[in-house]
Amino acid sequence: MNRRPGLSTRLKLTLSYAGFLLVAGGLLLAVVRMFLLRYVPDGTLTTGPGSGGHGGPAAPFIPSRSDLQRAFAPRAAQAMAFLLVFGLIGGWILAGRMLAPLTRIADAARMAAEGSLSHRIRMKGARDEFRELADVFDTMLEQLENHVTQQQRFAANASHELRTPLAISQTLLDVARSDPTRDQGELLERLHKVNTRAIDLTEALLLLSRSDRAGFISEPVDLSLTAEEAAETLLPLAEQRRITLDVTGERAQTTGSPELMLRVVTNLVQNAIVHNVPTGGTVTVHTEAHRDTSVLRVENTGHPVPAELLPTLIEPFQRGTQRIRTDEHAGVGLGLAIVHSIVRAHNGILDLTPRPTGGLTATISLPRANCDSEHK
């Protein structure tokens, strides 16, 4: 944004220092004038009758107020001029030294604006206001760099994932065009599956983007009711895979988006069903309320999950290839990534812990709402 040219901060500080010195010098001279010269009588002073007359000894010279003022005024002007020059030179140097940290911060901000986010100020010295500002700026640059890196990686992965169903559709259409005698029913069925996967992936990407922005209206949410709704929706899938699905616990009130919180629980429960033993496994959803937090825990049986695999499960497009899943419910690799993003947007924590006997325990902790109505 263009601004009108004006005085620099360094020049303003210099003029302020010089002006302060001039005011201090003027006050000092005023004090001398008021409290010293006022006690000196004005006019010709004599030591007594006949002193210095008729050949007697000369009377000593005693300066009057006027004499002192005539002698004092030029020296005062010279002192004020010296204070002005000294204040300007000293103020300019002092202001430059004081504003040097701001220059480094401005250079770092300029480099960041040009796209270089890897530069850090790393200011040394005492922890004053400028050091604190530089440290905060370094922290901001680090977070911004990590965010940009994640967004770039996410965009690259999303482009790759979206390209796959589109390429498959293109191939199927090319085959149908080159072989008109091919079974059209099989072709339409495969196109339908590919198109459904592309739609699911697009909706997941949009949901993940929405949860990252945290642009939702907070409302009271009971995690126990949300868990029951998600379990009721996924019960046919659990029965199909012969998985026992249980919901236990107590009311756990929090605030947030009911739609997003339902998606969190649904993703966790579906993930627990799909990544379970082939048949006969269990999935338990438990809610509980603590003093400051509301907790929802989803625990499932299954094959052992290596500890080194846990950090990758919340990364987009990481499907946990070492875990058992069926092709019809392979997902798009965004389930736990969406859960982590939504929970983080609600100021909560997602914790993944492998069970000693196999399977996974997913725990989300959210700030507990102040719901006085539940006690009424």
Protein backbone atom coordinates (compact mmCIF):
# COMPACT_ATOMS: atom_id res chain seq x y z
CA MET A 1 0.00 0.00 0.00
CA ASN A 2 1.39 3.40 -1.00
CA ARG A 3 1.76 5.93 1.79
CA ARG A 4 2.75 9.55 1.77
CA PRO A 5 6.46 10.09 2.48
CA GLY A 6 7.23 11.21 6.01
CA LEU A 7 9.89 11.27 8.64
CA SER A 8 11.55 7.98 9.45
CA THR A 9 11.33 6.53 12.94
CA ARG A 10 15.07 7.03 13.40
CA LEU A 11 14.81 10.72 12.51
CA LYS A 12 11.82 11.12 14.80
CA LEU A 13 13.74 9.59 17.68
CA THR A 14 16.75 11.77 16.90
CA LEU A 15 14.65 14.93 16.96
CA SER A 16 13.01 13.73 20.15
CA TYR A 17 16.37 13.20 21.85
CA ALA A 18 17.68 16.59 20.67
CA GLY A 19 14.46 18.31 21.68
CA PHE A 20 14.64 16.73 25.11
CA LEU A 21 18.20 17.96 25.59
CA LEU A 22 17.21 21.46 24.50
CA VAL A 23 14.26 21.51 26.89
CA ALA A 24 16.44 20.23 29.72
CA GLY A 25 19.09 22.84 28.94
CA GLY A 26 16.47 25.59 28.74
CA LEU A 27 15.03 24.55 32.10
CA LEU A 28 18.52 24.59 33.63
CA LEU A 29 19.15 28.11 32.33
CA ALA A 30 15.74 29.23 33.57
CA VAL A 31 16.58 27.89 37.01
CA VAL A 32 19.85 29.82 37.01
CA ARG A 33 18.06 32.94 35.88
CA MET A 34 15.27 32.63 38.40
CA PHE A 35 17.08 31.45 41.50
CA LEU A 36 20.51 33.05 41.08
CA LEU A 37 20.39 36.26 39.10
CA ARG A 38 17.25 37.47 40.87
CA TYR A 39 19.26 37.97 44.06
CA VAL A 40 21.86 40.16 42.34
CA PRO A 41 20.85 43.88 42.57
CA ASP A 42 20.72 45.89 39.39
CA GLY A 43 22.51 49.24 38.92
CA THR A 44 25.91 50.59 40.11
CA LEU A 45 27.15 49.07 43.34
CA THR A 46 29.42 50.90 45.81
CA THR A 47 31.19 49.76 48.96
CA GLY A 48 30.54 52.91 51.01
CA PRO A 49 30.60 56.73 51.11
CA GLY A 50 33.61 58.23 49.41
CA SER A 51 34.99 54.97 48.30
CA GLY A 52 37.38 55.46 45.44
CA GLY A 53 36.92 59.29 45.43
CA HIS A 54 39.43 62.20 46.00
CA GLY A 55 42.48 60.10 45.39
CA GLY A 56 41.40 57.32 47.71
CA PRO A 57 41.78 53.66 46.83
CA ALA A 58 39.73 52.44 43.87
CA ALA A 59 36.60 50.56 44.81
CA PRO A 60 36.50 46.92 43.69
CA PHE A 61 34.33 46.18 40.67
CA ILE A 62 31.13 44.47 41.63
CA PRO A 63 29.09 43.26 38.59
CA SER A 64 25.45 44.09 38.58
CA ARG A 65 22.58 41.96 37.29
CA SER A 66 22.85 43.56 33.87
CA ASP A 67 26.56 42.78 33.69
CA LEU A 68 25.96 39.14 34.57
CA GLN A 69 23.15 38.83 32.05
CA ARG A 70 25.31 40.32 29.26
CA ALA A 71 28.09 37.86 30.11
CA PHE A 72 25.75 34.90 30.62
CA ALA A 73 23.61 35.21 27.48
CA PRO A 74 26.33 34.40 24.85
CA ARG A 75 27.60 31.45 26.86
CA ALA A 76 24.07 30.17 27.29
CA ALA A 77 23.47 30.41 23.55
CA GLN A 78 26.70 28.52 22.88
CA ALA A 79 25.70 25.83 25.39
CA MET A 80 22.29 25.47 23.78
CA ALA A 81 23.87 25.17 20.33
CA PHE A 82 26.24 22.52 21.64
CA LEU A 83 23.34 20.62 23.20
CA LEU A 84 21.46 20.76 19.90
CA VAL A 85 24.39 19.40 17.86
CA PHE A 86 25.24 16.82 20.51
CA GLY A 87 21.60 15.74 20.75
CA LEU A 88 21.26 15.36 16.97
CA ILE A 89 24.49 13.38 16.50
CA GLY A 90 24.13 11.32 19.66
CA GLY A 91 20.42 10.76 19.09
CA TRP A 92 21.03 9.60 15.51
CA ILE A 93 23.65 7.06 16.63
CA LEU A 94 21.64 5.92 19.62
CA ALA A 95 18.42 5.58 17.62
CA GLY A 96 20.27 3.57 14.98
CA ARG A 97 21.57 1.13 17.58
CA MET A 98 18.17 0.80 19.20
CA LEU A 99 16.37 0.25 15.88
CA ALA A 100 18.91 -2.24 14.50
CA PRO A 101 16.84 -5.26 15.68
CA LEU A 102 13.81 -3.84 13.88
CA THR A 103 15.88 -3.64 10.71
CA ARG A 104 16.72 -7.35 10.98
CA ILE A 105 13.08 -8.20 11.59
CA ALA A 106 12.02 -6.07 8.60
CA ASP A 107 14.58 -7.83 6.39
CA ALA A 108 13.26 -11.22 7.50
CA ALA A 109 9.67 -10.11 6.84
CA ARG A 110 10.69 -8.85 3.40
CA MET A 111 12.31 -12.21 2.58
CA ALA A 112 9.19 -14.03 3.79
CA ALA A 113 7.02 -11.82 1.58
CA GLU A 114 9.20 -12.83 -1.37
CA GLY A 115 8.59 -16.51 -0.64
CA SER A 116 11.62 -17.45 1.46
CA LEU A 117 10.21 -18.93 4.67
CA SER A 118 13.35 -20.79 5.76
CA HIS A 119 15.16 -17.67 6.99
CA ARG A 120 15.28 -17.14 10.77
CA ILE A 121 16.36 -14.06 12.72
CA ARG A 122 17.80 -15.92 15.75
CA MET A 123 18.50 -12.71 17.63
CA LYS A 124 21.09 -12.85 20.39
CA GLY A 125 21.44 -10.75 23.50
CA ALA A 126 19.22 -9.90 26.43
CA ARG A 127 15.57 -10.92 26.35
CA ASP A 128 14.04 -7.49 25.82
CA GLU A 129 11.02 -6.44 23.78
CA PHE A 130 12.90 -6.67 20.47
CA ARG A 131 14.25 -10.14 21.30
CA GLU A 132 10.75 -11.29 22.21
CA LEU A 133 9.37 -9.88 18.96
CA ALA A 134 12.11 -11.62 16.97
CA ASP A 135 11.45 -14.96 18.70
CA VAL A 136 7.71 -14.68 18.04
CA PHE A 137 8.44 -13.84 14.40
CA ASP A 138 10.75 -16.87 14.09
CA THR A 139 8.04 -19.09 15.57
CA MET A 140 5.49 -17.67 13.13
CA LEU A 141 7.83 -18.32 10.19
CA GLU A 142 8.42 -21.89 11.32
CA GLN A 143 4.70 -22.60 11.65
CA LEU A 144 3.98 -20.91 8.34
CA GLU A 145 6.71 -22.91 6.60
CA ASN A 146 5.36 -26.16 8.05
CA HIS A 147 1.82 -25.20 7.00
CA VAL A 148 2.89 -24.37 3.46
CA THR A 149 4.88 -27.60 3.23
CA GLN A 150 1.89 -29.62 4.41
CA GLN A 151 -0.41 -27.84 1.98
CA GLN A 152 1.97 -28.49 -0.91
CA ARG A 153 2.29 -32.16 0.02
CA PHE A 154 -1.46 -32.41 0.46
CA ALA A 155 -2.10 -30.78 -2.92
CA ALA A 156 0.36 -33.13 -4.62
CA ASN A 157 -1.21 -36.19 -2.98
CA ALA A 158 -4.73 -34.98 -3.74
CA SER A 159 -3.84 -34.40 -7.37
CA HIS A 160 -2.37 -37.88 -7.59
CA GLU A 161 -5.38 -39.49 -5.94
CA LEU A 162 -7.86 -37.61 -8.14
CA ARG A 163 -5.87 -38.40 -11.26
CA THR A 164 -6.19 -42.15 -10.67
CA PRO A 165 -10.00 -42.53 -10.98
CA LEU A 166 -10.06 -40.07 -13.86
CA ALA A 167 -7.37 -42.06 -15.68
CA ILE A 168 -9.28 -45.29 -15.07
CA SER A 169 -12.46 -43.73 -16.42
CA GLN A 170 -10.62 -42.51 -19.48
CA THR A 171 -9.18 -45.99 -20.07
CA LEU A 172 -12.59 -47.64 -19.73
CA LEU A 173 -14.12 -45.18 -22.17
CA ASP A 174 -11.30 -45.74 -24.65
CA VAL A 175 -11.79 -49.49 -24.41
CA ALA A 176 -15.55 -49.14 -24.97
CA ARG A 177 -14.94 -46.91 -27.96
CA SER A 178 -12.48 -49.30 -29.55
CA ASP A 179 -14.58 -52.43 -28.79
CA PRO A 180 -18.31 -51.70 -29.28
CA THR A 181 -19.14 -55.39 -28.73
CA ARG A 182 -17.88 -55.33 -25.13
CA ASP A 183 -20.42 -55.96 -22.37
CA GLN A 184 -21.86 -52.54 -21.62
CA GLY A 185 -23.29 -53.62 -18.26
CA GLU A 186 -19.84 -54.53 -16.92
CA LEU A 187 -18.42 -51.28 -18.26
CA LEU A 188 -21.14 -49.19 -16.63
CA GLU A 189 -20.69 -51.01 -13.32
CA ARG A 190 -16.94 -50.33 -13.29
CA LEU A 191 -17.49 -46.71 -14.30
CA HIS A 192 -20.02 -46.36 -11.49
CA LYS A 193 -17.54 -47.67 -8.91
CA VAL A 194 -14.77 -45.43 -10.17
CA ASN A 195 -17.04 -42.39 -10.26
CA THR A 196 -18.33 -43.13 -6.73
CA ARG A 197 -14.77 -43.32 -5.45
CA ALA A 198 -13.92 -40.00 -7.10
CA ILE A 199 -16.99 -38.36 -5.54
CA ASP A 200 -16.15 -39.76 -2.10
CA LEU A 201 -12.59 -38.51 -2.42
CA THR A 202 -13.75 -35.04 -3.50
CA GLU A 203 -16.22 -34.80 -0.61
CA ALA A 204 -13.51 -35.90 1.83
CA LEU A 205 -11.15 -33.26 0.49
CA LEU A 206 -13.80 -30.58 0.86
CA LEU A 207 -14.60 -31.72 4.40
CA LEU A 208 -10.91 -31.73 5.34
CA SER A 209 -10.52 -28.23 3.92
CA ARG A 210 -13.56 -27.03 5.87
CA SER A 211 -12.33 -28.53 9.14
CA ASP A 212 -8.89 -26.95 8.66
CA ARG A 213 -10.51 -23.50 8.41
CA ALA A 214 -12.57 -24.14 11.54
CA GLY A 215 -15.38 -22.11 9.98
CA PHE A 216 -18.30 -23.63 11.82
CA ILE A 217 -20.88 -22.51 14.35
CA SER A 218 -20.43 -24.06 17.79
CA GLU A 219 -23.43 -25.75 19.35
CA PRO A 220 -23.87 -28.07 22.33
CA VAL A 221 -22.96 -31.65 21.40
CA ASP A 222 -23.48 -34.79 23.47
CA LEU A 223 -20.83 -37.31 22.42
CA SER A 224 -22.86 -40.21 23.80
CA LEU A 225 -25.79 -39.42 21.50
CA THR A 226 -23.41 -38.88 18.59
CA ALA A 227 -21.83 -42.27 19.27
CA GLU A 228 -25.23 -43.98 19.29
CA GLU A 229 -26.19 -42.33 16.00
CA ALA A 230 -22.92 -43.36 14.34
CA ALA A 231 -23.21 -46.91 15.66
CA GLU A 232 -26.79 -47.20 14.37
CA THR A 233 -25.67 -46.07 10.92
CA LEU A 234 -22.75 -48.51 10.78
CA LEU A 235 -24.52 -51.46 12.39
CA PRO A 236 -25.32 -53.14 9.02
CA LEU A 237 -21.63 -52.98 8.07
CA ALA A 238 -20.66 -54.49 11.43
CA GLU A 239 -23.23 -57.27 11.08
CA GLN A 240 -22.06 -57.99 7.54
CA ARG A 241 -18.54 -58.52 8.86
CA ARG A 242 -19.80 -60.29 12.00
CA ILE A 243 -18.32 -57.61 14.24
CA THR A 244 -19.87 -56.96 17.65
CA LEU A 245 -20.51 -53.23 18.06
CA ASP A 246 -21.16 -51.88 21.56
CA VAL A 247 -21.77 -48.32 22.80
CA THR A 248 -21.27 -47.67 26.50
CA GLY A 249 -20.60 -44.78 28.86
CA GLU A 250 -22.26 -41.63 30.07
CA ARG A 251 -23.20 -38.21 28.77
CA ALA A 252 -20.20 -36.24 27.58
CA GLN A 253 -21.04 -32.68 26.69
CA THR A 254 -18.88 -30.48 24.49
CA THR A 255 -19.38 -27.67 21.99
CA GLY A 256 -18.77 -27.65 18.28
CA SER A 257 -20.32 -28.59 14.98
CA PRO A 258 -22.75 -31.53 15.40
CA GLU A 259 -22.22 -32.49 11.73
CA LEU A 260 -18.43 -32.54 12.03
CA MET A 261 -18.48 -34.37 15.36
CA LEU A 262 -20.76 -37.02 13.84
CA ARG A 263 -18.27 -37.38 11.02
CA VAL A 264 -15.47 -37.83 13.57
CA VAL A 265 -17.25 -40.64 15.39
CA THR A 266 -18.44 -42.24 12.16
CA ASN A 267 -14.93 -42.28 10.72
CA LEU A 268 -13.49 -43.77 13.91
CA VAL A 269 -16.14 -46.49 14.16
CA GLN A 270 -15.95 -47.33 10.45
CA ASN A 271 -12.16 -47.46 10.66
CA ALA A 272 -12.45 -49.79 13.67
CA ILE A 273 -14.85 -52.09 11.79
CA VAL A 274 -12.92 -52.21 8.54
CA HIS A 275 -9.50 -52.65 10.15
CA ASN A 276 -10.59 -55.53 12.36
CA VAL A 277 -10.23 -59.28 12.24
CA PRO A 278 -12.03 -60.90 9.29
CA THR A 279 -14.90 -62.15 11.47
CA GLY A 280 -15.84 -62.28 15.12
CA GLY A 281 -14.10 -59.11 16.25
CA THR A 282 -15.41 -56.42 18.55
CA VAL A 283 -15.68 -52.63 18.47
CA THR A 284 -16.41 -50.72 21.67
CA VAL A 285 -17.38 -47.06 21.77
CA HIS A 286 -17.19 -45.53 25.23
CA THR A 287 -17.89 -41.97 26.40
CA GLU A 288 -17.08 -40.39 29.72
CA ALA A 289 -16.98 -36.92 31.24
CA HIS A 290 -14.20 -35.54 33.38
CA ARG A 291 -13.91 -32.24 35.17
CA ASP A 292 -12.63 -30.25 32.19
CA THR A 293 -12.83 -32.67 29.28
CA SER A 294 -15.25 -34.96 27.52
CA VAL A 295 -13.73 -38.17 26.22
CA LEU A 296 -14.81 -40.57 23.48
CA ARG A 297 -12.89 -43.82 23.08
CA VAL A 298 -13.17 -46.27 20.18
CA GLU A 299 -11.44 -49.60 20.74
CA ASN A 300 -11.27 -52.49 18.29
CA THR A 301 -9.71 -55.89 18.04
CA GLY A 302 -7.51 -56.77 15.11
CA HIS A 303 -3.98 -57.47 14.08
CA PRO A 304 -1.07 -55.81 15.96
CA VAL A 305 -0.31 -52.26 14.87
CA PRO A 306 3.41 -51.34 14.88
CA ALA A 307 4.16 -48.28 17.02
CA GLU A 308 6.16 -46.67 14.21
CA LEU A 309 3.05 -46.77 12.00
CA LEU A 310 0.92 -44.64 14.35
CA PRO A 311 2.24 -41.16 13.35
CA THR A 312 1.50 -41.89 9.67
CA LEU A 313 -2.12 -42.88 10.26
CA ILE A 314 -3.27 -39.27 10.69
CA GLU A 315 -1.43 -38.14 7.57
CA PRO A 316 -3.60 -37.66 4.47
CA PHE A 317 -3.68 -40.60 2.05
CA GLN A 318 -1.93 -42.94 4.51
CA ARG A 319 -4.15 -46.01 4.59
CA GLY A 320 -2.11 -48.12 6.97
CA THR A 321 -1.13 -50.81 4.45
CA GLN A 322 -0.01 -53.17 7.19
CA ARG A 323 -3.57 -53.34 8.56
CA ILE A 324 -6.21 -55.68 7.25
CA ARG A 325 -8.97 -54.18 5.14
CA THR A 326 -11.36 -55.28 2.42
CA ASP A 327 -11.29 -53.81 -1.05
CA GLU A 328 -14.89 -52.66 -0.94
CA HIS A 329 -14.11 -50.46 2.06
CA ALA A 330 -10.54 -49.47 1.28
CA GLY A 331 -11.43 -45.82 1.69
CA VAL A 332 -9.57 -42.86 0.29
CA GLY A 333 -6.91 -42.56 2.95
CA LEU A 334 -8.42 -39.50 4.62
CA GLY A 335 -10.47 -41.00 7.46
CA LEU A 336 -8.11 -40.45 10.39
CA ALA A 337 -6.69 -37.32 8.77
CA ILE A 338 -10.19 -35.82 8.78
CA VAL A 339 -10.71 -36.92 12.39
CA HIS A 340 -7.43 -35.33 13.47
CA SER A 341 -8.20 -32.10 11.62
CA ILE A 342 -11.73 -31.78 13.05
CA VAL A 343 -10.64 -32.59 16.59
CA ARG A 344 -7.82 -30.05 16.36
CA ALA A 345 -10.25 -27.41 15.06
CA HIS A 346 -12.37 -28.09 18.16
CA ASN A 347 -9.35 -27.56 20.45
CA GLY A 348 -9.22 -31.26 21.20
CA ILE A 349 -6.62 -34.03 21.15
CA LEU A 350 -6.59 -37.29 19.19
CA ASP A 351 -4.55 -40.12 20.69
CA LEU A 352 -3.90 -43.44 18.94
CA THR A 353 -2.63 -46.34 21.05
CA PRO A 354 -2.00 -49.92 19.88
CA ARG A 355 -3.65 -52.62 21.99
CA PRO A 356 -1.28 -55.25 23.41
CA THR A 357 -3.48 -58.05 22.05
CA GLY A 358 -3.91 -56.42 18.64
CA GLY A 359 -6.07 -53.67 17.28
CA LEU A 360 -6.15 -49.98 18.09
CA THR A 361 -7.57 -47.61 20.67
CA ALA A 362 -8.50 -44.13 19.40
CA THR A 363 -9.26 -41.55 22.08
CA ILE A 364 -10.46 -38.00 21.50
CA SER A 365 -10.48 -35.48 24.34
CA LEU A 366 -12.51 -32.31 23.89
CA PRO A 367 -13.13 -29.33 26.18
CA ARG A 368 -16.15 -30.02 28.32
CA ALA A 369 -19.08 -27.64 27.88
CA ASN A 370 -20.55 -25.77 30.83
CA CYS A 371 -23.96 -27.35 30.57
CA ASP A 372 -25.94 -26.50 33.66
CA SER A 373 -29.04 -27.81 31.98
CA GLU A 374 -27.96 -31.43 32.42
CA HIS A 375 -28.29 -31.04 36.18
CA LYS A 376 -31.73 -29.47 36.05
